Every structure is written in C-alpha cells, then in structure tokens.
Protein backbone atom coordinates (compact mmCIF):
# COMPACT_ATOMS: atom_id res chain seq x y z
CA MET A 1 0.00 0.00 0.00
CA THR A 2 3.03 2.26 0.18
CA MET A 3 2.70 5.33 -2.08
CA ALA A 4 -0.91 4.27 -2.81
CA ILE A 5 -1.96 7.87 -3.36
CA GLU A 6 0.66 8.30 -6.04
CA GLU A 7 -0.85 5.29 -7.87
CA HIS A 8 -4.52 6.15 -7.43
CA SER A 9 -4.43 9.94 -7.44
CA PRO A 10 -1.48 11.35 -9.39
CA LEU A 11 -2.51 14.94 -8.64
CA LYS A 12 -1.97 14.50 -4.85
CA PRO A 13 -4.56 17.09 -3.78
CA TRP A 14 -2.84 17.87 -0.44
CA ALA A 15 0.19 19.02 -2.41
CA GLY A 16 -1.84 22.20 -2.96
CA VAL A 17 -2.12 22.79 0.80
CA PRO A 18 0.64 25.07 2.14
CA GLY A 19 3.13 23.05 4.17
CA GLU A 20 3.16 25.59 7.01
CA LEU A 21 -0.44 24.68 7.83
CA SER A 22 0.84 21.38 9.24
CA ASP A 23 2.51 23.35 12.04
CA ILE A 24 -0.85 25.01 12.76
CA PHE A 25 -2.84 21.76 12.72
CA ARG A 26 -0.46 19.47 14.62
CA PRO A 27 -0.97 20.91 18.17
CA HIS A 28 -4.73 20.34 17.83
CA LEU A 29 -4.62 16.69 16.70
CA ALA A 30 -5.03 15.09 20.15
CA GLU A 31 -8.07 17.22 20.93
CA LEU A 32 -9.56 16.55 17.49
CA ALA A 33 -8.96 12.80 17.93
CA ASP A 34 -10.90 12.84 21.21
CA GLU A 35 -13.81 14.65 19.55
CA MET A 36 -13.86 12.25 16.62
CA ILE A 37 -13.76 9.15 18.85
CA GLU A 38 -16.53 10.54 21.04
CA GLU A 39 -18.82 11.12 18.06
CA ILE A 40 -17.98 7.76 16.49
CA LEU A 41 -18.83 5.89 19.68
CA ALA A 42 -22.04 7.88 20.05
CA GLY A 43 -23.07 7.56 16.41
CA ILE A 44 -21.99 3.96 15.71
CA PRO A 45 -23.28 1.66 18.50
CA GLU A 46 -21.25 -1.31 17.22
CA TYR A 47 -18.04 0.46 18.24
CA ASP A 48 -19.15 1.51 21.72
CA ARG A 49 -17.46 -1.15 23.87
CA PRO A 50 -16.41 0.40 27.17
CA GLN A 51 -15.35 -2.98 28.59
CA ASP A 52 -13.13 -3.93 25.65
CA GLU A 53 -9.85 -2.09 26.23
CA GLU A 54 -8.09 -3.68 23.25
CA TYR A 55 -10.86 -2.60 20.89
CA ALA A 56 -10.83 0.95 22.29
CA ARG A 57 -7.06 1.04 21.79
CA LEU A 58 -7.44 -0.02 18.15
CA VAL A 59 -10.08 2.67 17.49
CA ARG A 60 -7.84 5.37 19.00
CA LEU A 61 -4.81 4.08 17.11
CA ALA A 62 -6.76 4.28 13.85
CA VAL A 63 -8.06 7.82 14.43
CA GLU A 64 -4.80 9.28 15.71
CA GLY A 65 -2.78 7.49 13.00
CA ALA A 66 -5.03 8.84 10.26
CA LEU A 67 -4.78 12.41 11.55
CA ARG A 68 -0.99 12.25 11.81
CA GLN A 69 -0.74 10.71 8.35
CA PHE A 70 -2.88 13.49 6.86
CA VAL A 71 -0.71 16.21 8.40
CA ASP A 72 2.49 14.39 7.34
CA LEU A 73 1.22 14.35 3.74
CA ILE A 74 0.79 18.11 3.82
CA VAL A 75 4.48 18.42 4.68
CA ASP A 76 5.59 15.61 2.34
CA PRO A 77 3.08 14.34 -0.24
CA ASN A 78 5.42 11.38 -0.87
CA ALA A 79 5.37 10.21 2.76
CA SER A 80 4.89 6.45 3.24
CA TRP A 81 1.31 5.22 3.61
CA GLU A 82 2.19 1.81 4.99
CA PRO A 83 1.90 2.45 8.76
CA VAL A 84 -1.63 3.86 8.60
CA ALA A 85 -2.65 1.49 5.78
CA ALA A 86 -1.61 -1.47 7.96
CA VAL A 87 -3.85 -0.21 10.76
CA TYR A 88 -6.87 0.12 8.49
CA ARG A 89 -6.24 -3.27 6.90
CA GLU A 90 -6.32 -4.71 10.42
CA ILE A 91 -9.58 -2.86 11.11
CA GLY A 92 -11.13 -4.23 7.92
CA TRP A 93 -9.94 -7.73 8.86
CA ALA A 94 -11.51 -7.39 12.33
CA GLU A 95 -14.80 -6.19 10.85
CA ALA A 96 -15.03 -9.29 8.66
CA ARG A 97 -14.15 -11.60 11.54
CA GLU A 98 -16.92 -10.11 13.65
CA GLY A 99 -19.46 -10.74 10.92
CA ARG A 100 -20.22 -7.13 9.99
CA ASN A 101 -20.37 -5.82 6.47
CA LEU A 102 -18.37 -2.87 5.20
CA ASP A 103 -21.29 -0.44 5.46
CA VAL A 104 -20.67 0.11 9.17
CA LEU A 105 -16.99 0.83 8.65
CA GLN A 106 -17.63 3.11 5.67
CA GLY A 107 -20.16 5.04 7.76
CA THR A 108 -17.60 5.41 10.53
CA LEU A 109 -14.97 6.80 8.16
CA ARG A 110 -17.42 9.32 6.71
CA LEU A 111 -18.48 10.40 10.23
CA GLY A 112 -14.85 10.96 11.25
CA ALA A 113 -14.21 13.01 8.11
CA ARG A 114 -17.27 15.17 8.78
CA VAL A 115 -16.10 15.89 12.35
CA ALA A 116 -12.64 16.88 11.13
CA TRP A 117 -14.05 19.13 8.40
CA ARG A 118 -16.57 20.75 10.76
CA ARG A 119 -13.82 21.56 13.27
CA LEU A 120 -11.55 22.96 10.57
CA ALA A 121 -14.31 25.08 9.03
CA ALA A 122 -15.26 26.47 12.45
CA GLU A 123 -11.70 27.50 13.34
CA SER A 124 -10.35 28.37 9.89
CA GLU A 125 -10.66 32.12 10.47
CA GLN A 126 -8.85 31.91 13.81
CA MET A 127 -6.16 29.78 12.16
CA ASN A 128 -5.96 32.25 9.28
CA VAL A 129 -6.81 29.63 6.63
CA SER A 130 -8.03 31.20 3.37
CA ARG A 131 -11.11 29.93 1.48
CA ARG A 132 -8.91 28.77 -1.37
CA HIS A 133 -6.81 26.68 1.00
CA LEU A 134 -9.98 25.38 2.69
CA ALA A 135 -11.13 24.06 -0.69
CA SER A 136 -7.78 22.33 -1.20
CA ILE A 137 -8.00 20.79 2.27
CA ALA A 138 -11.55 19.55 1.59
CA GLU A 139 -10.39 17.86 -1.62
CA ALA A 140 -7.45 16.32 0.26
CA ILE A 141 -9.77 14.98 2.99
CA PHE A 142 -11.97 13.21 0.42
CA ALA A 143 -8.94 11.68 -1.33
CA PHE A 144 -7.51 10.61 2.02
CA LEU A 145 -10.84 9.05 2.98
CA ASP A 146 -10.81 7.00 -0.24
CA GLU A 147 -7.35 5.66 0.53
CA ILE A 148 -7.99 4.50 4.08
CA ALA A 149 -11.30 2.99 2.93
CA ARG A 150 -9.39 1.09 0.25
CA ALA A 151 -6.95 -0.27 2.85
CA ALA A 152 -9.84 -1.35 5.10
CA THR A 153 -11.54 -3.08 2.18
CA GLU A 154 -8.34 -4.93 1.38
CA GLY A 155 -8.14 -6.28 4.95
CA TYR A 156 -11.84 -7.11 4.96
CA THR A 157 -11.61 -9.04 1.69
CA LYS A 158 -8.56 -10.99 2.84
CA ALA A 159 -10.32 -12.00 6.06
CA ARG A 160 -13.40 -13.11 4.15
CA GLU A 161 -11.28 -15.24 1.83
CA GLN A 162 -9.43 -16.75 4.77
CA GLU A 163 -12.67 -17.37 6.62
CA ALA A 164 -14.22 -19.02 3.56
CA GLY A 165 -11.14 -21.21 3.21
CA GLU A 166 -11.32 -22.27 6.86
CA LEU A 167 -15.03 -23.00 6.59
CA GLU A 168 -14.51 -25.01 3.40
CA HIS A 169 -11.75 -27.01 5.09
CA ARG A 170 -14.01 -27.78 8.05
CA ARG A 171 -16.80 -28.87 5.72
CA ARG A 172 -14.52 -31.19 3.78
CA ARG A 173 -13.31 -32.66 7.07
CA LEU A 174 -16.93 -33.07 8.18
CA LEU A 175 -17.72 -34.83 4.90
CA ASP A 176 -14.86 -37.27 5.52
CA LEU A 177 -16.10 -37.87 9.06
CA LEU A 178 -19.68 -38.56 7.97
CA LEU A 179 -18.62 -40.99 5.22
CA ALA A 180 -16.03 -42.81 7.31
CA GLU A 181 -16.23 -46.54 7.97
CA PRO A 182 -16.60 -47.32 10.80
CA PRO A 183 -18.68 -44.18 11.44
CA ALA A 184 -17.33 -41.44 13.69
CA SER A 185 -18.96 -40.73 17.04
CA GLN A 186 -22.08 -38.61 17.08
CA GLN A 187 -20.39 -36.13 19.41
CA ALA A 188 -17.42 -35.67 17.06
CA ILE A 189 -19.80 -35.07 14.16
CA ALA A 190 -21.90 -32.60 16.17
CA ASP A 191 -18.83 -30.63 17.30
CA LEU A 192 -17.36 -30.34 13.81
CA ALA A 193 -20.77 -29.59 12.27
CA ARG A 194 -21.12 -26.62 14.60
CA LEU A 195 -17.71 -25.26 13.54
CA ALA A 196 -18.60 -25.90 9.88
CA GLN A 197 -21.92 -24.07 10.31
CA TRP A 198 -23.83 -27.14 9.12
CA ARG A 199 -27.08 -28.28 10.68
CA VAL A 200 -27.04 -32.04 11.15
CA PRO A 201 -30.12 -33.45 9.34
CA ARG A 202 -32.09 -36.60 10.10
CA THR A 203 -31.50 -38.14 6.66
CA VAL A 204 -28.87 -37.85 3.94
CA ALA A 205 -27.89 -39.39 0.62
CA ALA A 206 -24.37 -39.68 -0.77
CA VAL A 207 -23.61 -38.77 -4.40
CA VAL A 208 -20.52 -39.79 -6.35
CA LEU A 209 -19.56 -37.90 -9.49
CA TYR A 210 -17.69 -38.31 -12.73
CA GLU A 211 -17.18 -35.27 -14.97
CA ARG A 212 -18.59 -35.65 -18.46
CA GLY A 213 -15.64 -33.73 -19.92
CA GLN A 214 -17.73 -31.09 -21.70
CA HIS A 215 -16.77 -28.42 -19.16
CA PRO A 216 -13.51 -29.45 -17.48
CA PHE A 217 -13.15 -28.53 -13.82
CA SER A 218 -16.64 -27.04 -13.62
CA HIS A 219 -17.68 -26.90 -9.99
CA PRO A 220 -21.39 -27.69 -9.64
CA SER A 221 -23.57 -24.88 -8.30
CA LEU A 222 -25.05 -26.48 -5.19
CA PRO A 223 -27.26 -25.39 -2.28
CA PRO A 224 -25.16 -24.21 0.70
CA ASP A 225 -26.27 -27.10 2.91
CA VAL A 226 -24.82 -29.73 0.54
CA LEU A 227 -21.38 -30.90 1.67
CA ALA A 228 -19.16 -31.24 -1.39
CA ASP A 229 -15.62 -32.09 -2.38
CA VAL A 230 -15.15 -32.35 -6.15
CA ASN A 231 -11.36 -32.09 -5.98
CA ARG A 232 -10.74 -35.44 -4.33
CA ARG A 233 -9.83 -38.58 -6.29
CA GLU A 234 -13.48 -39.65 -6.10
CA PRO A 235 -15.61 -36.47 -6.19
CA CYS A 236 -18.62 -36.79 -3.93
CA LEU A 237 -21.42 -34.91 -2.17
CA LEU A 238 -23.59 -35.44 0.87
CA VAL A 239 -27.14 -34.18 0.39
CA PRO A 240 -29.24 -33.46 3.49
CA ASP A 241 -32.96 -34.20 3.38
CA PRO A 242 -32.74 -35.65 -0.16
CA GLU A 243 -36.47 -36.33 -0.31
CA GLY A 244 -37.32 -32.68 0.45
CA PRO A 245 -39.56 -30.63 -1.87
CA GLY A 246 -37.80 -29.62 -5.08
CA ARG A 247 -34.52 -31.18 -3.99
CA GLY A 248 -34.43 -33.68 -6.84
CA ARG A 249 -35.01 -31.07 -9.56
CA LEU A 250 -32.36 -28.83 -8.06
CA LEU A 251 -29.78 -31.62 -8.05
CA ASP A 252 -30.64 -32.63 -11.62
CA SER A 253 -30.00 -29.06 -12.74
CA SER A 254 -26.83 -28.58 -10.69
CA LEU A 255 -25.21 -31.84 -11.81
CA ARG A 256 -26.03 -31.75 -15.52
CA ASN A 257 -22.31 -31.56 -16.41
CA TRP A 258 -21.55 -34.66 -14.34
CA VAL A 259 -22.40 -38.34 -14.44
CA ALA A 260 -23.80 -38.63 -10.92
CA ALA A 261 -25.14 -41.52 -8.85
CA MET A 262 -27.05 -40.91 -5.63
CA GLY A 263 -27.25 -43.64 -3.03
CA PRO A 264 -30.46 -44.42 -1.15
CA THR A 265 -31.72 -42.09 1.57
CA VAL A 266 -30.44 -43.21 4.97
CA ARG A 267 -30.08 -41.89 8.49
CA THR A 268 -27.20 -39.46 8.82
CA GLU A 269 -25.16 -41.92 10.87
CA ASP A 270 -25.47 -44.45 7.99
CA ALA A 271 -24.11 -42.11 5.28
CA SER A 272 -21.32 -44.56 4.40
CA LYS A 273 -23.94 -47.16 3.39
CA SER A 274 -25.50 -44.70 0.95
CA LEU A 275 -22.03 -43.98 -0.44
CA ARG A 276 -21.39 -47.69 -0.93
CA TRP A 277 -24.42 -48.10 -3.21
CA ALA A 278 -23.62 -44.90 -5.13
CA ARG A 279 -20.15 -46.32 -5.78
CA GLU A 280 -21.74 -49.49 -7.17
CA ALA A 281 -23.97 -47.49 -9.54
CA LEU A 282 -21.48 -45.07 -11.05
CA PRO A 283 -19.31 -47.64 -12.89
CA LEU A 284 -22.46 -49.23 -14.33
CA ALA A 285 -23.52 -45.82 -15.65
CA ARG A 286 -20.11 -45.26 -17.21
CA ARG A 287 -20.42 -48.66 -18.92
CA GLY A 288 -23.82 -47.73 -20.29
CA ILE A 289 -25.73 -50.26 -18.19
CA LEU A 290 -27.54 -47.57 -16.21
CA PRO A 291 -28.83 -44.39 -17.91
CA SER A 292 -26.53 -41.44 -17.23
CA ASP A 293 -28.35 -38.55 -18.90
CA GLN A 294 -29.57 -37.35 -15.48
CA LEU A 295 -28.97 -38.05 -11.80
CA ILE A 296 -28.99 -41.81 -11.19
CA ARG A 297 -31.05 -42.68 -8.12
CA CYS A 298 -29.96 -46.05 -6.79
CA SER A 299 -33.39 -46.64 -5.26
CA GLU A 300 -34.82 -46.79 -8.80
CA HIS A 301 -32.28 -49.36 -10.03
CA MET A 302 -31.94 -51.78 -7.13
CA PRO A 303 -32.57 -54.97 -9.16
CA THR A 304 -29.77 -54.07 -11.60
CA LEU A 305 -27.42 -53.11 -8.76
CA VAL A 306 -28.07 -56.36 -6.94
CA VAL A 307 -27.64 -58.44 -10.11
CA PHE A 308 -24.31 -56.75 -10.96
CA LYS A 309 -23.02 -57.03 -7.42
CA ASP A 310 -21.21 -60.25 -8.37
CA GLU A 311 -20.94 -60.59 -12.14
CA GLU A 312 -18.79 -63.72 -11.95
CA LEU A 313 -21.53 -65.52 -10.06
CA VAL A 314 -24.16 -64.31 -12.54
CA ARG A 315 -22.06 -65.56 -15.45
CA ALA A 316 -21.79 -68.96 -13.82
CA VAL A 317 -25.56 -69.09 -13.38
CA ALA A 318 -26.01 -67.91 -17.00
CA ASP A 319 -23.91 -70.82 -18.22
CA LEU A 320 -26.35 -73.13 -16.48
CA ARG A 321 -29.74 -71.46 -16.96
CA LEU A 322 -29.28 -70.26 -20.55
CA ALA A 323 -27.66 -73.45 -21.82
CA PRO A 324 -30.57 -74.27 -24.18
CA LEU A 325 -29.83 -71.12 -26.18
CA ARG A 326 -26.49 -72.58 -27.25
CA THR A 327 -28.29 -74.72 -29.80
CA VAL A 328 -29.57 -71.63 -31.68
CA ARG A 329 -27.70 -69.65 -34.34
CA PRO A 330 -25.96 -66.56 -32.77
CA ARG A 331 -28.09 -63.92 -34.54
CA HIS A 332 -31.37 -65.62 -33.65
CA ARG A 333 -30.05 -66.46 -30.16
CA GLU A 334 -29.94 -62.78 -29.16
CA ARG A 335 -33.45 -62.15 -30.50
CA LEU A 336 -34.78 -65.05 -28.45
CA ALA A 337 -32.86 -63.84 -25.39
CA ARG A 338 -34.33 -60.35 -25.63
CA THR A 339 -37.79 -61.77 -26.19
CA LEU A 340 -37.39 -64.05 -23.16
CA LEU A 341 -36.28 -61.17 -20.94
CA ALA A 342 -39.20 -59.00 -22.08
CA CYS A 343 -41.61 -61.90 -21.42
CA LEU A 344 -40.22 -62.43 -17.93
CA GLN A 345 -40.52 -58.72 -17.18
CA SER A 346 -44.08 -58.42 -18.48
CA GLY A 347 -45.64 -61.67 -17.28
CA PHE A 348 -45.56 -63.25 -20.77
CA ASN A 349 -48.04 -60.71 -22.15
CA ALA A 350 -47.41 -60.93 -25.91
CA THR A 351 -48.93 -57.53 -26.67
CA GLU A 352 -46.80 -55.74 -24.10
CA VAL A 353 -43.69 -57.61 -25.19
CA ALA A 354 -44.38 -56.66 -28.82
CA THR A 355 -44.62 -53.00 -27.80
CA ARG A 356 -41.32 -53.20 -25.94
CA LEU A 357 -39.49 -54.90 -28.78
CA HIS A 358 -41.23 -52.99 -31.60
CA VAL A 359 -42.37 -56.20 -33.32
CA HIS A 360 -45.73 -57.76 -34.19
CA PRO A 361 -47.47 -59.76 -31.39
CA GLN A 362 -47.54 -62.78 -33.70
CA THR A 363 -43.73 -62.60 -33.91
CA VAL A 364 -43.60 -62.68 -30.13
CA ARG A 365 -45.88 -65.74 -30.01
CA TYR A 366 -43.70 -67.52 -32.58
CA ARG A 367 -40.54 -66.82 -30.57
CA LEU A 368 -42.26 -67.79 -27.34
CA HIS A 369 -43.20 -71.15 -28.90
CA GLN A 370 -39.52 -71.68 -29.74
CA LEU A 371 -38.51 -70.78 -26.18
CA GLU A 372 -41.03 -73.27 -24.79
CA GLU A 373 -39.45 -75.98 -26.96
CA LEU A 374 -35.97 -75.02 -25.72
CA PHE A 375 -36.65 -74.55 -21.99
CA GLY A 376 -39.71 -76.71 -21.44
CA GLU A 377 -41.50 -76.41 -18.09
CA ARG A 378 -38.61 -74.46 -16.57
CA LEU A 379 -39.74 -71.46 -18.58
CA TYR A 380 -42.66 -70.98 -16.20
CA ASP A 381 -41.04 -72.22 -12.99
CA PRO A 382 -40.99 -69.23 -10.53
CA GLU A 383 -37.46 -69.90 -9.22
CA SER A 384 -36.01 -70.51 -12.69
CA ARG A 385 -37.76 -67.44 -14.07
CA LEU A 386 -36.21 -65.22 -11.39
CA GLU A 387 -32.73 -66.58 -12.09
CA MET A 388 -33.18 -66.27 -15.85
CA GLU A 389 -34.34 -62.66 -15.57
CA MET A 390 -31.27 -61.83 -13.49
CA VAL A 391 -28.77 -63.47 -15.79
CA LEU A 392 -30.43 -62.15 -18.97
CA THR A 393 -30.26 -58.64 -17.53
CA VAL A 394 -26.50 -59.00 -17.24
CA TRP A 395 -25.96 -60.98 -20.44
CA LEU A 396 -27.88 -58.51 -22.63
CA SER A 397 -26.44 -55.37 -21.02
CA PRO A 398 -23.92 -53.36 -23.07
CA ALA A 399 -20.21 -53.43 -22.31
CA VAL A 400 -20.41 -56.87 -20.68
CA ASP A 401 -18.50 -59.84 -22.07
CA ARG A 402 -20.75 -62.85 -22.49
CA PRO A 403 -19.45 -66.26 -21.41
CA ALA A 404 -17.57 -67.81 -24.32
CA GLU A 405 -19.42 -71.06 -23.80
CA LEU A 406 -22.76 -69.39 -24.44
CA ASP A 407 -21.61 -67.96 -27.77
CA ASP A 408 -20.09 -71.25 -28.95
CA PRO A 409 -22.60 -72.86 -31.35
CA ARG A 410 -20.71 -76.16 -31.15
CA ARG A 411 -21.65 -76.57 -27.50
CA THR A 412 -24.90 -78.46 -26.90
CA ALA A 413 -27.17 -78.49 -23.97
C-alpha cells in the first residue's frame, strides 16, 4: 500500500495545501482525535465497547494514526502510507471476523471526516486559513478518505477469503467424518458440524460424481447445505434431506455436467452405506448399463445393482440357466434372449412384449413357442424365471462380455 496515493491519485490534492499549515494543525490533533472518537462511539453503537480495552485502543490508534498521516502528507506528499494502511487493513480484517459488512466501517470513516471538516471550518478564520486553501483541504480529505477505505476493504476481503477457506476445510473434514467406515462418534460429528456451520439433518444421501468432460473442472452450483468435495480422487457430495420438496429437480439441474449416482436415503449416521451403493452405480452408468443422462437414483435401479453385485456368479448361473440357447444360431439367439427377458418382465403378455421390442405380437408368439421348446417347463417355474431374468439382464447389457461357452454354437445343452 506504500505510495498508494501516487498510484490512485497522481494529482496528490494535499500538495496544494501550504506546508506551514501542518505546524498550525499538529498541536490540535489530540483534541480533534478525542472529539472524533466521542462522536464515532455515540453515532456507531457497534463500536461503543467500554469494557473492551483492546478494541478501544485499536479505534484510538486508527483515528490518531489517520490524523498524523494526513498532516504528514501536507508536509511531504510522498510520505509512506504503509503504517496507517496497515492499521486500516487490520480494522477491515476485524470487521469481517466479527461478521459485519463494510457499510458500518464506511459510515464510521465518513463520520470521522465530517467531524474533522466541521472543526476545521469552524476555526479556519482563527487559524488564518483562506477559502482557497480550505477548498484544497476539503479535496485532500476526500482523497484521504478513499485511501484509508481502500486499505480497510483490502483487509476485509482478505479476512473473508481466509474465513471461507477455513469453513470449506471444516466442511470437507466433516464430509470425511460422515462418510467414514466405521462411522465417527455422534459427538465428534456434532462438534465439527457446529464449527462448519452445518445443521445435522435426520437423513442424507451420498452422491458420487464423474465429470462428463464437456466443461472441465466445472464446480457444480449447489445449495449451501450440501457438503461437497469435487477435488478429491473420487468427487462426492452429501445431500441433506434428499427427499425434500424440489430437492431432486435442483440436483438434476446442478449436476447436468456430471455423471452422478445418488445412493439411497439413509439416516445421517449411515451415510457410508449410501455412499457404498452410489459407488456401485457409477461404474455401471459409465459402462452404459444404467442411464446417465440425469442423476442416477440407486433406489430406482436396485434390481440391476443387486444383479451386478457379483458378475462372476451371474455368469456362472447364466452358463447353467441359458444353456438351451447354445443350440440356436448366434443372430437368432440374441433375438430369443431379448424376447425371453421381455416376457419375464411383463408376465408373458405378448402384446406388451411386442410394444417393448417394436415387433408384431404374432412374432412374439412364434418366438415364445420356440422358447417353450428349448426350456420346457422351466420357462414358467418361478425360481427358474427369477434366475433367468437376473442373468439375462446381465448378459444382454452393453459393455459386458458374455461367457464364451454361451456364444459357442458347437456346445450343446
């Protein structure tokens, strides 16, 4: 901040004030400082703290330092600004830390300037200060006011940035604590949540993310109560009250640049369980097995998630349950497999299956007759049907390698 006036105001308005006036003003500075402090404390209730000696010392230091700096500039317009600028940066920093906005501080600076100008105008004749010099002093006061306000703003902004960084760090730490396995103690979570300014909800849902690549490093715009860390190796969120009104639409909009999977809603202390399911869903979405055009809600895809929980086991069951399909030519084999899955999912309703597969109902009946010949009574056995639906879901899903035995037409049932 040194020589700030030279940068921001090349004309240095106090250079037009006769240097000898500094000798006239200097003996009155202590009395003027008392008057300014008295009016500031009376006019700005936030600064009236009779029991806080350190705060009173800082206020006096700021007022007296500003007055001395102003008089020093009359003598030497190139005098260093750093001592008084440092004081006002500290004041701005303290204002931010105490949660006040800059309006209070700006009002205080203007009040102090008015007191100084009023005192000068009242005693100008006695001090033999001409009107022309009074005008120069007024211009210098306004320029000086701008500079100390700029220093205070600098300190205020730095404190806000530091505070935001500390809060963000606490929230990331809280996110780690909530998702930890085994879970952290409720007291530890409550204590850190208070420091992170986060109200502990009754229910949460974990979300894991993968950037689509259209907008690299785009941080999602999220509600302030959502704990987020998108810079970790596995970007994730923790959403409080995920079933709340409008919450789903808001998340869909905020995460449109991400492939995102949200675990089921659980109690807050079970957040790691929600995260576990979200982690199961995201790879399936990236493989194209689950739709990824909007937020994936695990609760809507539980059958698929359960089926893909152990693909090796499903493949082994597929080798057994789908063995009759090995006798069919490969191209026709997949048509029959898709028809069988649609039949299992729709209760063997030919019309509904035809709608799903975009074929004629008679085509469905023909294929169903072939399936009955291949599978016999097992086709309608409840236990076999459940297993076949599970293994067909995996076998017909994209990006999954089918068992080599099933694709080998030389193998027979």
